[in-house]
Amino acid sequence: MIRPARWPAGPALCLALFLALTSNALADQVWPEHAIRFVVPYTPGGGTDVVSRNLTDKMAREMHWTIVVENKPGVGGNIGIDQVAKSRPDGYTIGMGQTSNLAINPAMMSSIPFNAKTDLTPIALVAQVPMLLVVRQQSTLKSLADLVDAARAHPDGLRQAVAALGTVGHLAGELLAQRGHYKVLIVPYKGASSALTDLIGGQTDFMMTTPQGILSLVQSGKLRVLAVTSAQRLPIYPDVPTIAESGFPGFDAVDWKVVVGPAAMPETTVQSLNLAINQALKNPAMIQQLEAEGSVAIGGSSQQARDYIGAEQVQWSTLIQQNGLKF
């Protein structure tokens, strides 16, 4: 009788181990095995939603991934980011964080459901957008120096419109007032539209707002831009000086966006997502969309994202504590 050949015990064990290790390696290589959930912590159609959908579309096309965008708005972005923070750290749930929910809310709100410093993994910076300091066209304030002089001469005499308390536009104004040693009256609204309407109508004196919301108003001659809050001038407003070059060296206050995941994500997964984001940010259509709204693509490593967020958290929490700002 011819018996079937058998592997010796040693080689058989080695083969089993080899197959197991190969299987694990292949499993790592095929990540993601299913769709990635991308949480946008704001309503559909807004600036963050538009950028998020354009970014994930480019990532999906470049990497042949399936990415499903979910809008989870509420409490200044806290609800959506909390869902990301409490998800499994396998890379299948990530989201779009930004200045308000990662640097301002934690310092300004009395209660927040996640720890922005320890409960999240920064994956990659996406973009930053500065604020523009604007006045109505008929305003007697022709420059930042005019505004500062008027505010110093009449404490609480100037009225700053803010789209909502705790926004970058609000705190950029607080930072400028602190640096300029003056005080103004803060007039909060429930959105940029009503705030801009009152500014144009003369109910308030100035506002700090994002470029995309005022481009048509500037072009139609209803608003005038006095300064930009970023360290560099904006390409779409090349003649508008920065606050830094208008007497406040080092001034830099921008709204930024960063893709984050839950804490303790595998480094290989973080790097795969980081690579996909950086490639998407090089896409000409992505660059054009960001520049059209006044944003600047950032990108970079996950460690650079972590360092950037940390520095921003220090800047805004220090300002908030020094001025006793809470809500």
C-alpha atoms as a PDB file:
ATOM      1  CA  MET A   1       0.000   0.000   0.000  1.00  0.00           C
ATOM      2  CA  ILE A   2       1.250   3.368  -0.928  1.00  0.00           C
ATOM      3  CA  ARG A   3       0.752   5.788   1.959  1.00  0.00           C
ATOM      4  CA  PRO A   4       0.407   9.578   1.364  1.00  0.00           C
ATOM      5  CA  ALA A   5       3.547  11.498   2.138  1.00  0.00           C
ATOM      6  CA  ARG A   6       3.647  13.450   5.414  1.00  0.00           C
ATOM      7  CA  TRP A   7       5.533  16.578   6.355  1.00  0.00           C
ATOM      8  CA  PRO A   8       7.857  16.092   9.271  1.00  0.00           C
ATOM      9  CA  ALA A   9       6.622  17.802  12.432  1.00  0.00           C
ATOM     10  CA  GLY A  10       9.248  20.561  12.245  1.00  0.00           C
ATOM     11  CA  PRO A  11       8.603  21.701   8.642  1.00  0.00           C
ATOM     12  CA  ALA A  12       4.836  21.449   9.152  1.00  0.00           C
ATOM     13  CA  LEU A  13       4.996  23.791  12.120  1.00  0.00           C
ATOM     14  CA  CYS A  14       7.214  26.225  10.221  1.00  0.00           C
ATOM     15  CA  LEU A  15       4.778  26.212   7.294  1.00  0.00           C
ATOM     16  CA  ALA A  16       1.829  26.927   9.594  1.00  0.00           C
ATOM     17  CA  LEU A  17       3.648  29.822  11.214  1.00  0.00           C
ATOM     18  CA  PHE A  18       4.685  31.198   7.817  1.00  0.00           C
ATOM     19  CA  LEU A  19       1.115  31.089   6.526  1.00  0.00           C
ATOM     20  CA  ALA A  20      -0.186  32.762   9.669  1.00  0.00           C
ATOM     21  CA  LEU A  21       2.352  35.571   9.461  1.00  0.00           C
ATOM     22  CA  THR A  22       1.747  36.014   5.734  1.00  0.00           C
ATOM     23  CA  SER A  23      -2.005  36.163   6.331  1.00  0.00           C
ATOM     24  CA  ASN A  24      -1.561  38.896   8.973  1.00  0.00           C
ATOM     25  CA  ALA A  25       0.769  40.868   6.723  1.00  0.00           C
ATOM     26  CA  LEU A  26      -1.676  40.683   3.842  1.00  0.00           C
ATOM     27  CA  ALA A  27      -4.486  41.796   6.148  1.00  0.00           C
ATOM     28  CA  ASP A  28      -2.471  44.880   7.053  1.00  0.00           C
ATOM     29  CA  GLN A  29      -1.712  45.597   3.417  1.00  0.00           C
ATOM     30  CA  VAL A  30      -5.357  45.534   2.279  1.00  0.00           C
ATOM     31  CA  TRP A  31      -6.548  48.113   4.819  1.00  0.00           C
ATOM     32  CA  PRO A  32      -9.154  49.430   4.492  1.00  0.00           C
ATOM     33  CA  GLU A  33     -11.220  46.289   4.028  1.00  0.00           C
ATOM     34  CA  HIS A  34     -14.498  48.230   4.020  1.00  0.00           C
ATOM     35  CA  ALA A  35     -15.844  51.772   3.873  1.00  0.00           C
ATOM     36  CA  ILE A  36     -14.364  54.553   6.009  1.00  0.00           C
ATOM     37  CA  ARG A  37     -16.802  56.767   7.900  1.00  0.00           C
ATOM     38  CA  PHE A  38     -15.907  60.464   7.736  1.00  0.00           C
ATOM     39  CA  VAL A  39     -17.732  62.607  10.306  1.00  0.00           C
ATOM     40  CA  VAL A  40     -18.383  66.273   9.540  1.00  0.00           C
ATOM     41  CA  PRO A  41     -19.443  67.958  12.800  1.00  0.00           C
ATOM     42  CA  TYR A  42     -21.433  70.674  11.029  1.00  0.00           C
ATOM     43  CA  THR A  43     -24.485  70.946   8.780  1.00  0.00           C
ATOM     44  CA  PRO A  44     -24.491  70.003   5.078  1.00  0.00           C
ATOM     45  CA  GLY A  45     -23.598  72.766   2.644  1.00  0.00           C
ATOM     46  CA  GLY A  46     -21.428  74.789   5.009  1.00  0.00           C
ATOM     47  CA  GLY A  47     -17.768  75.581   4.491  1.00  0.00           C
ATOM     48  CA  THR A  48     -16.473  72.641   6.521  1.00  0.00           C
ATOM     49  CA  ASP A  49     -18.855  70.246   4.772  1.00  0.00           C
ATOM     50  CA  VAL A  50     -17.822  71.410   1.291  1.00  0.00           C
ATOM     51  CA  VAL A  51     -14.104  71.069   2.044  1.00  0.00           C
ATOM     52  CA  SER A  52     -14.641  67.669   3.675  1.00  0.00           C
ATOM     53  CA  ARG A  53     -16.583  66.283   0.719  1.00  0.00           C
ATOM     54  CA  ASN A  54     -14.059  67.567  -1.806  1.00  0.00           C
ATOM     55  CA  LEU A  55     -11.188  66.144   0.225  1.00  0.00           C
ATOM     56  CA  THR A  56     -12.746  62.711   0.714  1.00  0.00           C
ATOM     57  CA  ASP A  57     -13.727  62.558  -2.956  1.00  0.00           C
ATOM     58  CA  LYS A  58     -10.087  63.099  -3.976  1.00  0.00           C
ATOM     59  CA  MET A  59      -8.864  60.605  -1.362  1.00  0.00           C
ATOM     60  CA  ALA A  60     -11.318  57.952  -2.545  1.00  0.00           C
ATOM     61  CA  ARG A  61     -10.415  58.418  -6.201  1.00  0.00           C
ATOM     62  CA  GLU A  62      -6.666  58.416  -5.578  1.00  0.00           C
ATOM     63  CA  MET A  63      -6.581  55.455  -3.195  1.00  0.00           C
ATOM     64  CA  HIS A  64      -9.582  53.493  -4.563  1.00  0.00           C
ATOM     65  CA  TRP A  65     -11.252  53.630  -1.160  1.00  0.00           C
ATOM     66  CA  THR A  66     -14.897  53.995  -0.205  1.00  0.00           C
ATOM     67  CA  ILE A  67     -15.461  56.941   2.144  1.00  0.00           C
ATOM     68  CA  VAL A  68     -18.905  57.785   3.474  1.00  0.00           C
ATOM     69  CA  VAL A  69     -19.438  61.332   4.768  1.00  0.00           C
ATOM     70  CA  GLU A  70     -21.834  61.761   7.705  1.00  0.00           C
ATOM     71  CA  ASN A  71     -22.946  65.134   9.075  1.00  0.00           C
ATOM     72  CA  LYS A  72     -23.257  65.183  12.871  1.00  0.00           C
ATOM     73  CA  PRO A  73     -23.760  68.852  13.820  1.00  0.00           C
ATOM     74  CA  GLY A  74     -24.378  70.307  17.252  1.00  0.00           C
ATOM     75  CA  VAL A  75     -22.838  72.200  20.179  1.00  0.00           C
ATOM     76  CA  GLY A  76     -20.177  73.985  18.155  1.00  0.00           C
ATOM     77  CA  GLY A  77     -18.935  70.791  16.528  1.00  0.00           C
ATOM     78  CA  ASN A  78     -18.590  68.909  19.807  1.00  0.00           C
ATOM     79  CA  ILE A  79     -21.155  66.193  19.050  1.00  0.00           C
ATOM     80  CA  GLY A  80     -19.498  65.009  15.853  1.00  0.00           C
ATOM     81  CA  ILE A  81     -15.973  65.093  17.242  1.00  0.00           C
ATOM     82  CA  ASP A  82     -17.143  63.219  20.349  1.00  0.00           C
ATOM     83  CA  GLN A  83     -18.397  60.421  18.101  1.00  0.00           C
ATOM     84  CA  VAL A  84     -14.971  60.225  16.486  1.00  0.00           C
ATOM     85  CA  ALA A  85     -13.213  60.226  19.852  1.00  0.00           C
ATOM     86  CA  LYS A  86     -15.389  57.384  21.182  1.00  0.00           C
ATOM     87  CA  SER A  87     -15.157  55.167  18.097  1.00  0.00           C
ATOM     88  CA  ARG A  88     -12.889  52.126  17.726  1.00  0.00           C
ATOM     89  CA  PRO A  89      -9.289  53.181  16.935  1.00  0.00           C
ATOM     90  CA  ASP A  90      -9.099  51.134  13.742  1.00  0.00           C
ATOM     91  CA  GLY A  91      -9.161  54.026  11.274  1.00  0.00           C
ATOM     92  CA  TYR A  92     -12.671  53.309  10.035  1.00  0.00           C
ATOM     93  CA  THR A  93     -14.116  56.382  11.764  1.00  0.00           C
ATOM     94  CA  ILE A  94     -12.344  59.693  11.301  1.00  0.00           C
ATOM     95  CA  GLY A  95     -13.574  63.277  11.075  1.00  0.00           C
ATOM     96  CA  MET A  96     -12.883  66.927  10.403  1.00  0.00           C
ATOM     97  CA  GLY A  97     -11.791  68.867  13.449  1.00  0.00           C
ATOM     98  CA  GLN A  98     -11.088  72.563  13.476  1.00  0.00           C
ATOM     99  CA  THR A  99     -10.143  75.526  15.614  1.00  0.00           C
ATOM    100  CA  SER A 100     -13.442  75.849  17.453  1.00  0.00           C
ATOM    101  CA  ASN A 101     -13.973  72.260  18.580  1.00  0.00           C
ATOM    102  CA  LEU A 102     -10.316  71.414  19.246  1.00  0.00           C
ATOM    103  CA  ALA A 103      -8.816  74.644  20.614  1.00  0.00           C
ATOM    104  CA  ILE A 104     -11.542  77.127  21.582  1.00  0.00           C
ATOM    105  CA  ASN A 105     -14.454  75.083  22.941  1.00  0.00           C
ATOM    106  CA  PRO A 106     -12.317  73.058  25.385  1.00  0.00           C
ATOM    107  CA  ALA A 107     -11.099  76.295  26.995  1.00  0.00           C
ATOM    108  CA  MET A 108     -14.282  78.331  26.727  1.00  0.00           C
ATOM    109  CA  MET A 109     -17.073  75.871  27.510  1.00  0.00           C
ATOM    110  CA  SER A 110     -17.750  74.766  31.069  1.00  0.00           C
ATOM    111  CA  SER A 111     -18.335  71.175  29.958  1.00  0.00           C
ATOM    112  CA  ILE A 112     -17.175  69.196  26.927  1.00  0.00           C
ATOM    113  CA  PRO A 113     -17.633  65.422  26.359  1.00  0.00           C
ATOM    114  CA  PHE A 114     -14.107  64.647  25.150  1.00  0.00           C
ATOM    115  CA  ASN A 115     -10.537  65.654  25.906  1.00  0.00           C
ATOM    116  CA  ALA A 116      -9.157  67.393  22.824  1.00  0.00           C
ATOM    117  CA  LYS A 117      -5.566  66.730  23.929  1.00  0.00           C
ATOM    118  CA  THR A 118      -5.748  63.025  24.766  1.00  0.00           C
ATOM    119  CA  ASP A 119      -8.832  61.468  23.128  1.00  0.00           C
ATOM    120  CA  LEU A 120      -7.906  62.119  19.485  1.00  0.00           C
ATOM    121  CA  THR A 121      -5.183  61.299  16.981  1.00  0.00           C
ATOM    122  CA  PRO A 122      -4.242  64.183  14.671  1.00  0.00           C
ATOM    123  CA  ILE A 123      -3.813  62.679  11.196  1.00  0.00           C
ATOM    124  CA  ALA A 124      -3.113  65.620   8.891  1.00  0.00           C
ATOM    125  CA  LEU A 125      -3.711  69.335   8.662  1.00  0.00           C
ATOM    126  CA  VAL A 126      -5.948  70.219   5.728  1.00  0.00           C
ATOM    127  CA  ALA A 127      -6.196  73.983   5.358  1.00  0.00           C
ATOM    128  CA  GLN A 128      -6.330  77.298   7.123  1.00  0.00           C
ATOM    129  CA  VAL A 129      -8.455  80.333   6.376  1.00  0.00           C
ATOM    130  CA  PRO A 130      -7.798  83.764   7.867  1.00  0.00           C
ATOM    131  CA  MET A 131     -10.340  86.288   9.035  1.00  0.00           C
ATOM    132  CA  LEU A 132     -10.796  89.605   7.256  1.00  0.00           C
ATOM    133  CA  LEU A 133     -11.411  92.745   9.283  1.00  0.00           C
ATOM    134  CA  VAL A 134     -14.170  94.563   7.418  1.00  0.00           C
ATOM    135  CA  VAL A 135     -16.151  97.789   7.779  1.00  0.00           C
ATOM    136  CA  ARG A 136     -19.036  99.199   5.745  1.00  0.00           C
ATOM    137  CA  GLN A 137     -17.973 101.167   2.705  1.00  0.00           C
ATOM    138  CA  GLN A 138     -19.096 104.512   4.198  1.00  0.00           C
ATOM    139  CA  SER A 139     -17.162 104.015   7.450  1.00  0.00           C
ATOM    140  CA  THR A 140     -14.739 106.741   8.536  1.00  0.00           C
ATOM    141  CA  LEU A 141     -12.330 103.980   9.569  1.00  0.00           C
ATOM    142  CA  LYS A 142      -9.948 103.775   6.627  1.00  0.00           C
ATOM    143  CA  SER A 143      -7.227 101.613   8.177  1.00  0.00           C
ATOM    144  CA  LEU A 144      -6.447  99.397  11.139  1.00  0.00           C
ATOM    145  CA  ALA A 145      -4.652 102.345  12.736  1.00  0.00           C
ATOM    146  CA  ASP A 146      -7.871 104.369  12.505  1.00  0.00           C
ATOM    147  CA  LEU A 147      -9.813 101.603  14.235  1.00  0.00           C
ATOM    148  CA  VAL A 148      -7.268 101.220  17.047  1.00  0.00           C
ATOM    149  CA  ASP A 149      -7.089 104.995  17.616  1.00  0.00           C
ATOM    150  CA  ALA A 150     -10.881 105.281  17.736  1.00  0.00           C
ATOM    151  CA  ALA A 151     -11.199 102.338  20.120  1.00  0.00           C
ATOM    152  CA  ARG A 152      -8.569 103.758  22.468  1.00  0.00           C
ATOM    153  CA  ALA A 153     -10.185 107.198  22.428  1.00  0.00           C
ATOM    154  CA  HIS A 154     -13.667 105.826  23.145  1.00  0.00           C
ATOM    155  CA  PRO A 155     -13.552 102.630  25.283  1.00  0.00           C
ATOM    156  CA  ASP A 156     -16.503 100.365  24.404  1.00  0.00           C
ATOM    157  CA  GLY A 157     -17.521 102.978  21.856  1.00  0.00           C
ATOM    158  CA  LEU A 158     -16.905 100.725  18.834  1.00  0.00           C
ATOM    159  CA  ARG A 159     -19.145  97.724  18.249  1.00  0.00           C
ATOM    160  CA  GLN A 160     -17.703  94.489  16.881  1.00  0.00           C
ATOM    161  CA  ALA A 161     -20.227  92.182  15.243  1.00  0.00           C
ATOM    162  CA  VAL A 162     -19.536  88.470  15.694  1.00  0.00           C
ATOM    163  CA  ALA A 163     -21.330  85.630  13.912  1.00  0.00           C
ATOM    164  CA  ALA A 164     -21.393  83.714  17.205  1.00  0.00           C
ATOM    165  CA  LEU A 165     -19.565  83.788  20.504  1.00  0.00           C
ATOM    166  CA  GLY A 166     -16.541  81.518  20.618  1.00  0.00           C
ATOM    167  CA  THR A 167     -15.807  81.655  16.900  1.00  0.00           C
ATOM    168  CA  VAL A 168     -12.387  82.521  15.506  1.00  0.00           C
ATOM    169  CA  GLY A 169     -13.811  85.825  14.296  1.00  0.00           C
ATOM    170  CA  HIS A 170     -14.871  86.672  17.843  1.00  0.00           C
ATOM    171  CA  LEU A 171     -11.588  85.645  19.465  1.00  0.00           C
ATOM    172  CA  ALA A 172      -9.414  87.210  16.772  1.00  0.00           C
ATOM    173  CA  GLY A 173     -11.072  90.502  17.720  1.00  0.00           C
ATOM    174  CA  GLU A 174     -10.427  89.825  21.417  1.00  0.00           C
ATOM    175  CA  LEU A 175      -6.783  89.036  20.652  1.00  0.00           C
ATOM    176  CA  LEU A 176      -6.370  92.263  18.681  1.00  0.00           C
ATOM    177  CA  ALA A 177      -8.008  94.272  21.475  1.00  0.00           C
ATOM    178  CA  GLN A 178      -5.644  92.696  24.001  1.00  0.00           C
ATOM    179  CA  ARG A 179      -2.604  93.415  21.855  1.00  0.00           C
ATOM    180  CA  GLY A 180      -3.846  96.935  21.056  1.00  0.00           C
ATOM    181  CA  HIS A 181      -4.778  97.799  24.657  1.00  0.00           C
ATOM    182  CA  TYR A 182      -8.344  98.873  23.907  1.00  0.00           C
ATOM    183  CA  LYS A 183     -11.891  97.648  24.531  1.00  0.00           C
ATOM    184  CA  VAL A 184     -14.871  97.363  22.202  1.00  0.00           C
ATOM    185  CA  LEU A 185     -18.462  96.246  22.652  1.00  0.00           C
ATOM    186  CA  ILE A 186     -19.035  92.684  21.384  1.00  0.00           C
ATOM    187  CA  VAL A 187     -22.387  92.242  19.603  1.00  0.00           C
ATOM    188  CA  PRO A 188     -23.133  88.527  19.047  1.00  0.00           C
ATOM    189  CA  TYR A 189     -25.473  87.144  16.369  1.00  0.00           C
ATOM    190  CA  LYS A 190     -26.847  83.762  15.388  1.00  0.00           C
ATOM    191  CA  GLY A 191     -24.926  83.558  12.156  1.00  0.00           C
ATOM    192  CA  ALA A 192     -22.789  85.588   9.789  1.00  0.00           C
ATOM    193  CA  SER A 193     -25.661  86.657   7.509  1.00  0.00           C
ATOM    194  CA  SER A 194     -27.512  88.745  10.091  1.00  0.00           C
ATOM    195  CA  ALA A 195     -24.255  90.106  11.468  1.00  0.00           C
ATOM    196  CA  LEU A 196     -23.187  91.327   8.025  1.00  0.00           C
ATOM    197  CA  THR A 197     -26.617  92.836   7.388  1.00  0.00           C
ATOM    198  CA  ASP A 198     -26.362  94.949  10.529  1.00  0.00           C
ATOM    199  CA  LEU A 199     -22.772  95.909   9.747  1.00  0.00           C
ATOM    200  CA  ILE A 200     -23.774  97.203   6.328  1.00  0.00           C
ATOM    201  CA  GLY A 201     -26.737  98.996   7.907  1.00  0.00           C
ATOM    202  CA  GLY A 202     -24.547 100.793  10.438  1.00  0.00           C
ATOM    203  CA  GLN A 203     -25.764  99.045  13.593  1.00  0.00           C
ATOM    204  CA  THR A 204     -22.205  97.841  14.241  1.00  0.00           C
ATOM    205  CA  ASP A 205     -18.795  99.227  13.270  1.00  0.00           C
ATOM    206  CA  PHE A 206     -16.605  96.306  12.208  1.00  0.00           C
ATOM    207  CA  MET A 207     -16.427  92.537  11.962  1.00  0.00           C
ATOM    208  CA  MET A 208     -13.899  89.768  11.476  1.00  0.00           C
ATOM    209  CA  THR A 209     -15.235  87.146   9.089  1.00  0.00           C
ATOM    210  CA  THR A 210     -14.129  84.566   6.554  1.00  0.00           C
ATOM    211  CA  PRO A 211     -13.301  85.609   2.966  1.00  0.00           C
ATOM    212  CA  GLN A 212     -15.874  83.423   1.200  1.00  0.00           C
ATOM    213  CA  GLY A 213     -18.783  85.064   2.989  1.00  0.00           C
ATOM    214  CA  ILE A 214     -17.986  88.625   1.928  1.00  0.00           C
ATOM    215  CA  LEU A 215     -16.414  88.445  -1.521  1.00  0.00           C
ATOM    216  CA  SER A 216     -19.573  89.575  -3.318  1.00  0.00           C
ATOM    217  CA  LEU A 217     -20.208  92.311  -0.729  1.00  0.00           C
ATOM    218  CA  VAL A 218     -16.715  93.715  -1.236  1.00  0.00           C
ATOM    219  CA  GLN A 219     -17.027  93.537  -5.009  1.00  0.00           C
ATOM    220  CA  SER A 220     -20.388  95.311  -4.914  1.00  0.00           C
ATOM    221  CA  GLY A 221     -18.955  98.133  -2.796  1.00  0.00           C
ATOM    222  CA  LYS A 222     -20.915  97.430   0.397  1.00  0.00           C
ATOM    223  CA  LEU A 223     -17.908  96.427   2.512  1.00  0.00           C
ATOM    224  CA  ARG A 224     -14.259  97.445   2.706  1.00  0.00           C
ATOM    225  CA  VAL A 225     -11.442  95.213   3.953  1.00  0.00           C
ATOM    226  CA  LEU A 226      -8.951  96.835   6.346  1.00  0.00           C
ATOM    227  CA  ALA A 227      -6.696  93.899   7.251  1.00  0.00           C
ATOM    228  CA  VAL A 228      -6.210  90.143   7.177  1.00  0.00           C
ATOM    229  CA  THR A 229      -5.487  88.114  10.330  1.00  0.00           C
ATOM    230  CA  SER A 230      -3.028  85.587   8.855  1.00  0.00           C
ATOM    231  CA  ALA A 231       0.748  85.945   8.879  1.00  0.00           C
ATOM    232  CA  GLN A 232       0.786  86.351   5.069  1.00  0.00           C
ATOM    233  CA  ARG A 233      -1.433  88.317   2.715  1.00  0.00           C
ATOM    234  CA  LEU A 234      -4.170  86.499   0.861  1.00  0.00           C
ATOM    235  CA  PRO A 235      -3.720  85.926  -2.897  1.00  0.00           C
ATOM    236  CA  ILE A 236      -7.345  86.967  -3.518  1.00  0.00           C
ATOM    237  CA  TYR A 237      -6.727  90.249  -1.626  1.00  0.00           C
ATOM    238  CA  PRO A 238      -3.081  91.017  -2.419  1.00  0.00           C
ATOM    239  CA  ASP A 239      -3.386  94.729  -1.570  1.00  0.00           C
ATOM    240  CA  VAL A 240      -4.858  94.151   1.891  1.00  0.00           C
ATOM    241  CA  PRO A 241      -2.166  94.301   4.613  1.00  0.00           C
ATOM    242  CA  THR A 242      -1.916  91.792   7.422  1.00  0.00           C
ATOM    243  CA  ILE A 243      -2.507  92.839  11.015  1.00  0.00           C
ATOM    244  CA  ALA A 244       1.055  91.729  11.703  1.00  0.00           C
ATOM    245  CA  GLU A 245       2.490  94.257   9.244  1.00  0.00           C
ATOM    246  CA  SER A 246       0.090  96.957  10.454  1.00  0.00           C
ATOM    247  CA  GLY A 247       1.708  97.433  13.829  1.00  0.00           C
ATOM    248  CA  PHE A 248       1.185  94.067  15.559  1.00  0.00           C
ATOM    249  CA  PRO A 249       4.180  91.825  14.728  1.00  0.00           C
ATOM    250  CA  GLY A 250       3.538  88.111  15.114  1.00  0.00           C
ATOM    251  CA  PHE A 251      -0.245  88.433  15.011  1.00  0.00           C
ATOM    252  CA  ASP A 252      -1.707  85.262  13.495  1.00  0.00           C
ATOM    253  CA  ALA A 253      -5.297  84.138  14.033  1.00  0.00           C
ATOM    254  CA  VAL A 254      -6.795  81.714  11.528  1.00  0.00           C
ATOM    255  CA  ASP A 255      -9.471  79.079  11.329  1.00  0.00           C
ATOM    256  CA  TRP A 256      -7.921  75.710  10.486  1.00  0.00           C
ATOM    257  CA  LYS A 257      -9.159  72.257   9.597  1.00  0.00           C
ATOM    258  CA  VAL A 258      -7.508  68.954  10.508  1.00  0.00           C
ATOM    259  CA  VAL A 259      -8.481  65.326  10.006  1.00  0.00           C
ATOM    260  CA  VAL A 260      -8.530  63.431  13.306  1.00  0.00           C
ATOM    261  CA  GLY A 261      -9.297  59.945  14.534  1.00  0.00           C
ATOM    262  CA  PRO A 262      -9.688  58.367  17.959  1.00  0.00           C
ATOM    263  CA  ALA A 263      -6.684  57.981  20.248  1.00  0.00           C
ATOM    264  CA  ALA A 264      -4.428  54.903  19.982  1.00  0.00           C
ATOM    265  CA  MET A 265      -4.793  54.367  16.235  1.00  0.00           C
ATOM    266  CA  PRO A 266      -2.184  52.053  14.656  1.00  0.00           C
ATOM    267  CA  GLU A 267       0.694  54.087  13.267  1.00  0.00           C
ATOM    268  CA  THR A 268       0.491  52.289   9.904  1.00  0.00           C
ATOM    269  CA  THR A 269      -3.157  53.299   9.555  1.00  0.00           C
ATOM    270  CA  VAL A 270      -2.386  56.899  10.486  1.00  0.00           C
ATOM    271  CA  GLN A 271       0.356  57.006   7.876  1.00  0.00           C
ATOM    272  CA  SER A 272      -1.909  55.536   5.168  1.00  0.00           C
ATOM    273  CA  LEU A 273      -4.540  58.187   5.849  1.00  0.00           C
ATOM    274  CA  ASN A 274      -1.918  60.931   6.077  1.00  0.00           C
ATOM    275  CA  LEU A 275      -0.515  59.943   2.682  1.00  0.00           C
ATOM    276  CA  ALA A 276      -3.976  59.948   1.102  1.00  0.00           C
ATOM    277  CA  ILE A 277      -4.769  63.401   2.524  1.00  0.00           C
ATOM    278  CA  ASN A 278      -1.493  64.910   1.362  1.00  0.00           C
ATOM    279  CA  GLN A 279      -1.991  63.519  -2.129  1.00  0.00           C
ATOM    280  CA  ALA A 280      -5.530  64.895  -2.247  1.00  0.00           C
ATOM    281  CA  LEU A 281      -4.296  68.351  -1.233  1.00  0.00           C
ATOM    282  CA  LYS A 282      -2.023  68.380  -4.293  1.00  0.00           C
ATOM    283  CA  ASN A 283      -4.954  67.832  -6.636  1.00  0.00           C
ATOM    284  CA  PRO A 284      -5.386  70.979  -8.817  1.00  0.00           C
ATOM    285  CA  ALA A 285      -9.169  70.966  -8.347  1.00  0.00           C
ATOM    286  CA  MET A 286      -8.743  70.766  -4.582  1.00  0.00           C
ATOM    287  CA  ILE A 287      -6.245  73.620  -4.571  1.00  0.00           C
ATOM    288  CA  GLN A 288      -8.532  75.734  -6.765  1.00  0.00           C
ATOM    289  CA  GLN A 289     -11.504  75.158  -4.466  1.00  0.00           C
ATOM    290  CA  LEU A 290      -9.548  76.125  -1.366  1.00  0.00           C
ATOM    291  CA  GLU A 291      -8.053  79.237  -2.948  1.00  0.00           C
ATOM    292  CA  ALA A 292     -11.459  80.348  -4.235  1.00  0.00           C
ATOM    293  CA  GLU A 293     -12.766  80.524  -0.673  1.00  0.00           C
ATOM    294  CA  GLY A 294      -9.625  82.203   0.640  1.00  0.00           C
ATOM    295  CA  SER A 295      -8.144  79.075   2.219  1.00  0.00           C
ATOM    296  CA  VAL A 296      -4.576  77.812   1.993  1.00  0.00           C
ATOM    297  CA  ALA A 297      -3.752  74.082   1.841  1.00  0.00           C
ATOM    298  CA  ILE A 298      -1.401  72.888   4.587  1.00  0.00           C
ATOM    299  CA  GLY A 299      -0.765  69.123   4.667  1.00  0.00           C
ATOM    300  CA  GLY A 300       2.343  67.730   6.346  1.00  0.00           C
ATOM    301  CA  SER A 301       2.976  64.883   8.774  1.00  0.00           C
ATOM    302  CA  SER A 302       0.768  63.700  11.604  1.00  0.00           C
ATOM    303  CA  GLN A 303       3.352  64.964  14.107  1.00  0.00           C
ATOM    304  CA  GLN A 304       3.253  68.417  12.524  1.00  0.00           C
ATOM    305  CA  ALA A 305      -0.530  68.363  12.908  1.00  0.00           C
ATOM    306  CA  ARG A 306      -0.186  67.416  16.581  1.00  0.00           C
ATOM    307  CA  ASP A 307       2.358  70.183  17.229  1.00  0.00           C
ATOM    308  CA  TYR A 308       0.243  72.783  15.407  1.00  0.00           C
ATOM    309  CA  ILE A 309      -2.906  71.913  17.349  1.00  0.00           C
ATOM    310  CA  GLY A 310      -0.967  72.028  20.618  1.00  0.00           C
ATOM    311  CA  ALA A 311       0.338  75.523  19.899  1.00  0.00           C
ATOM    312  CA  GLU A 312      -3.138  76.737  18.938  1.00  0.00           C
ATOM    313  CA  GLN A 313      -4.636  75.283  22.105  1.00  0.00           C
ATOM    314  CA  VAL A 314      -2.107  77.226  24.160  1.00  0.00           C
ATOM    315  CA  GLN A 315      -2.761  80.510  22.314  1.00  0.00           C
ATOM    316  CA  TRP A 316      -6.553  80.391  22.586  1.00  0.00           C
ATOM    317  CA  SER A 317      -6.791  78.971  26.112  1.00  0.00           C
ATOM    318  CA  THR A 318      -4.385  81.648  27.364  1.00  0.00           C
ATOM    319  CA  LEU A 319      -6.459  84.411  25.750  1.00  0.00           C
ATOM    320  CA  ILE A 320      -9.716  82.959  27.086  1.00  0.00           C
ATOM    321  CA  GLN A 321      -8.373  82.634  30.642  1.00  0.00           C
ATOM    322  CA  GLN A 322      -6.844  86.106  30.675  1.00  0.00           C
ATOM    323  CA  ASN A 323     -10.110  87.676  29.513  1.00  0.00           C
ATOM    324  CA  GLY A 324     -12.440  85.453  31.537  1.00  0.00           C
ATOM    325  CA  LEU A 325     -14.383  84.333  28.483  1.00  0.00           C
ATOM    326  CA  LYS A 326     -16.873  81.533  29.191  1.00  0.00           C
ATOM    327  CA  PHE A 327     -20.182  80.333  27.817  1.00  0.00           C
END
